Amino acid sequence: MPTQQLNGASVNPQANVYFDGKCVSHSLSWPDGTKKSVGVILPASLVFNTGAPEIMECVAGACEWRLNAQAEWQRCSAGEQFAVPGNSRFEIRVEQAFHYICHFG
């Protein structure tokens, strides 16, 4: 089951807007230093580069993704997640709005 609520977070009210508005998120942080972002990717095919490791949790919708241009695309639907290593890249394809929580590690 996807995460429904994130308690105790401070939210940056200014949105992070990427890829001409096809990806929009808000940054959250907790007193213990934990950082996440909550957002939506609209229909698109995008490439993201990572600094820190990330876990992408799908809370609604679905996407297809692959790491570092691997041949096989994987599917991620509501209640599922996928991990992305730090200092890498992943591609994501979205046909309908993909709502996510990005957990930074």
Foldseek 3Di string as FASTA:
>chain_A
DADDDDPQWDKDPDWDAPDPRQKIWIWIAHPVGWIKIKIKGAADKDKDFFAFKKKKAWQAAKKWKDWPPDPDIDIHHHPGIDIDHHGTMMIIGHDGMTIIMITGD
